[in-house]
C-alpha atoms as a PDB file:
ATOM      1  CA  MET A   1       6.070  -7.867   0.178  1.00  0.00           C
ATOM      2  CA  MET A   2       6.080 -11.634   0.637  1.00  0.00           C
ATOM      3  CA  GLN A   3       3.876 -11.305   3.719  1.00  0.00           C
ATOM      4  CA  ALA A   4       1.437  -9.034   1.883  1.00  0.00           C
ATOM      5  CA  LYS A   5       1.192 -11.503  -0.999  1.00  0.00           C
ATOM      6  CA  ALA A   6       0.536 -14.367   1.417  1.00  0.00           C
ATOM      7  CA  ALA A   7      -1.947 -12.457   3.615  1.00  0.00           C
ATOM      8  CA  PRO A   8      -5.562 -13.623   3.699  1.00  0.00           C
ATOM      9  CA  GLY A   9      -7.671 -11.507   1.356  1.00  0.00           C
ATOM     10  CA  ASN A  10      -4.769 -10.202  -0.727  1.00  0.00           C
ATOM     11  CA  VAL A  11      -5.533 -10.215  -4.450  1.00  0.00           C
ATOM     12  CA  SER A  12      -2.199  -8.772  -5.603  1.00  0.00           C
ATOM     13  CA  ALA A  13       0.860  -6.929  -4.339  1.00  0.00           C
ATOM     14  CA  ASP A  14       3.565  -5.224  -6.375  1.00  0.00           C
ATOM     15  CA  ALA A  15       6.303  -2.645  -5.857  1.00  0.00           C
ATOM     16  CA  ARG A  16       8.058  -0.256  -8.240  1.00  0.00           C
ATOM     17  CA  LYS A  17      10.402   2.681  -8.186  1.00  0.00           C
ATOM     18  CA  ILE A  18       8.920   5.517 -10.263  1.00  0.00           C
ATOM     19  CA  ASP A  19      10.809   8.798 -10.731  1.00  0.00           C
ATOM     20  CA  GLY A  20      13.056   7.905  -7.790  1.00  0.00           C
ATOM     21  CA  VAL A  21      10.136   7.155  -5.437  1.00  0.00           C
ATOM     22  CA  HIS A  22       9.399   3.655  -4.124  1.00  0.00           C
ATOM     23  CA  HIS A  23       5.725   2.698  -4.451  1.00  0.00           C
ATOM     24  CA  THR A  24       3.707  -0.336  -3.419  1.00  0.00           C
ATOM     25  CA  LEU A  25       0.340  -1.245  -4.890  1.00  0.00           C
ATOM     26  CA  THR A  26      -1.797  -3.838  -3.141  1.00  0.00           C
ATOM     27  CA  VAL A  27      -5.318  -4.972  -3.966  1.00  0.00           C
ATOM     28  CA  TRP A  28      -7.511  -6.583  -1.308  1.00  0.00           C
ATOM     29  CA  GLU A  29     -10.782  -8.518  -1.331  1.00  0.00           C
ATOM     30  CA  SER A  30     -12.157  -6.222   1.352  1.00  0.00           C
ATOM     31  CA  LYS A  31     -11.349  -3.242   3.544  1.00  0.00           C
ATOM     32  CA  GLU A  32     -11.379  -5.579   6.544  1.00  0.00           C
ATOM     33  CA  ALA A  33      -8.721  -7.854   5.006  1.00  0.00           C
ATOM     34  CA  MET A  34      -6.528  -4.842   4.252  1.00  0.00           C
ATOM     35  CA  ARG A  35      -6.897  -3.417   7.774  1.00  0.00           C
ATOM     36  CA  THR A  36      -6.120  -6.775   9.365  1.00  0.00           C
ATOM     37  CA  PHE A  37      -2.832  -6.857   7.448  1.00  0.00           C
ATOM     38  CA  LEU A  38      -2.048  -3.201   8.187  1.00  0.00           C
ATOM     39  CA  VAL A  39      -2.210  -3.647  11.960  1.00  0.00           C
ATOM     40  CA  SER A  40      -0.372  -6.956  12.277  1.00  0.00           C
ATOM     41  CA  GLY A  41       3.032  -8.578  11.933  1.00  0.00           C
ATOM     42  CA  ALA A  42       5.836  -7.079   9.908  1.00  0.00           C
ATOM     43  CA  HIS A  43       3.676  -4.319   8.438  1.00  0.00           C
ATOM     44  CA  LEU A  44       2.810  -2.983  11.883  1.00  0.00           C
ATOM     45  CA  GLN A  45       6.496  -3.015  12.853  1.00  0.00           C
ATOM     46  CA  ALA A  46       7.435  -1.239   9.617  1.00  0.00           C
ATOM     47  CA  MET A  47       4.806   1.456  10.137  1.00  0.00           C
ATOM     48  CA  LYS A  48       6.050   2.077  13.695  1.00  0.00           C
ATOM     49  CA  SER A  49       9.594   2.588  12.331  1.00  0.00           C
ATOM     50  CA  PHE A  50       8.658   4.450   9.145  1.00  0.00           C
ATOM     51  CA  LYS A  51       9.128   8.026  10.365  1.00  0.00           C
ATOM     52  CA  SER A  52      12.616   7.289  11.652  1.00  0.00           C
ATOM     53  CA  LEU A  53      13.634   5.553   8.407  1.00  0.00           C
ATOM     54  CA  ALA A  54      11.949   7.479   5.618  1.00  0.00           C
ATOM     55  CA  MET A  55       9.282   9.944   4.616  1.00  0.00           C
ATOM     56  CA  GLY A  56       6.399   9.480   2.278  1.00  0.00           C
ATOM     57  CA  SER A  57       2.744   9.590   1.416  1.00  0.00           C
ATOM     58  CA  VAL A  58       0.031   6.962   1.571  1.00  0.00           C
ATOM     59  CA  ILE A  59      -3.467   6.502   0.276  1.00  0.00           C
ATOM     60  CA  GLY A  60      -6.060   3.802   0.595  1.00  0.00           C
ATOM     61  CA  PHE A  61      -9.197   3.859  -1.512  1.00  0.00           C
ATOM     62  CA  GLU A  62     -12.068   1.670  -2.614  1.00  0.00           C
ATOM     63  CA  ALA A  63     -12.794   1.093  -6.277  1.00  0.00           C
ATOM     64  CA  ASP A  64     -14.932  -1.080  -8.539  1.00  0.00           C
ATOM     65  CA  HIS A  65     -11.799  -2.285 -10.327  1.00  0.00           C
ATOM     66  CA  ALA A  66      -8.134  -2.821  -9.529  1.00  0.00           C
ATOM     67  CA  PRO A  67      -6.175   0.173 -10.821  1.00  0.00           C
ATOM     68  CA  GLY A  68      -3.126  -0.179 -13.004  1.00  0.00           C
ATOM     69  CA  TRP A  69       0.103   1.570 -12.065  1.00  0.00           C
ATOM     70  CA  GLN A  70      -0.624   4.721 -14.079  1.00  0.00           C
ATOM     71  CA  GLU A  71      -4.071   5.205 -12.537  1.00  0.00           C
ATOM     72  CA  ALA A  72      -2.869   4.368  -9.029  1.00  0.00           C
ATOM     73  CA  ARG A  73       0.052   6.772  -9.277  1.00  0.00           C
ATOM     74  CA  GLU A  74      -2.228   9.609 -10.411  1.00  0.00           C
ATOM     75  CA  ILE A  75      -4.585   8.958  -7.487  1.00  0.00           C
ATOM     76  CA  TRP A  76      -1.581   8.926  -5.136  1.00  0.00           C
ATOM     77  CA  ARG A  77      -0.191  12.132  -6.656  1.00  0.00           C
ATOM     78  CA  THR A  78      -3.454  14.043  -6.199  1.00  0.00           C
ATOM     79  CA  LYS A  79      -4.915  12.553  -3.005  1.00  0.00           C
ATOM     80  CA  ALA A  80      -2.212  10.956  -0.821  1.00  0.00           C
ATOM     81  CA  ARG A  81      -1.470  12.182   2.682  1.00  0.00           C
ATOM     82  CA  GLN A  82       1.934  12.630   4.296  1.00  0.00           C
ATOM     83  CA  VAL A  83       2.916  10.172   7.026  1.00  0.00           C
END
C-alpha cells in the first residue's frame, strides 16, 4: 500500500475489509500510470504469487469521478473477474 501511495500518478490508495473480504481501492491520474505500477516492483511480485496465496476478483475501470467505497464495491460485485 505504501508503494501504491508513493507511485507516480497515484491520486489515492486505501484498503478495507468488508464482509470478511479484503479490498483495495486506488485512484490514478491515468490508465498509463496505473499500468506502470501494476507491472513493476512489489505489485508485480504480489500478482505473480497471488494464486498460490489467495483467491479473489479484480476490476479496473475508468470514470469521470473517483468512486467512494459503496460505489466501488457495487461495481466490483457486479463486474469483477476472478483471478
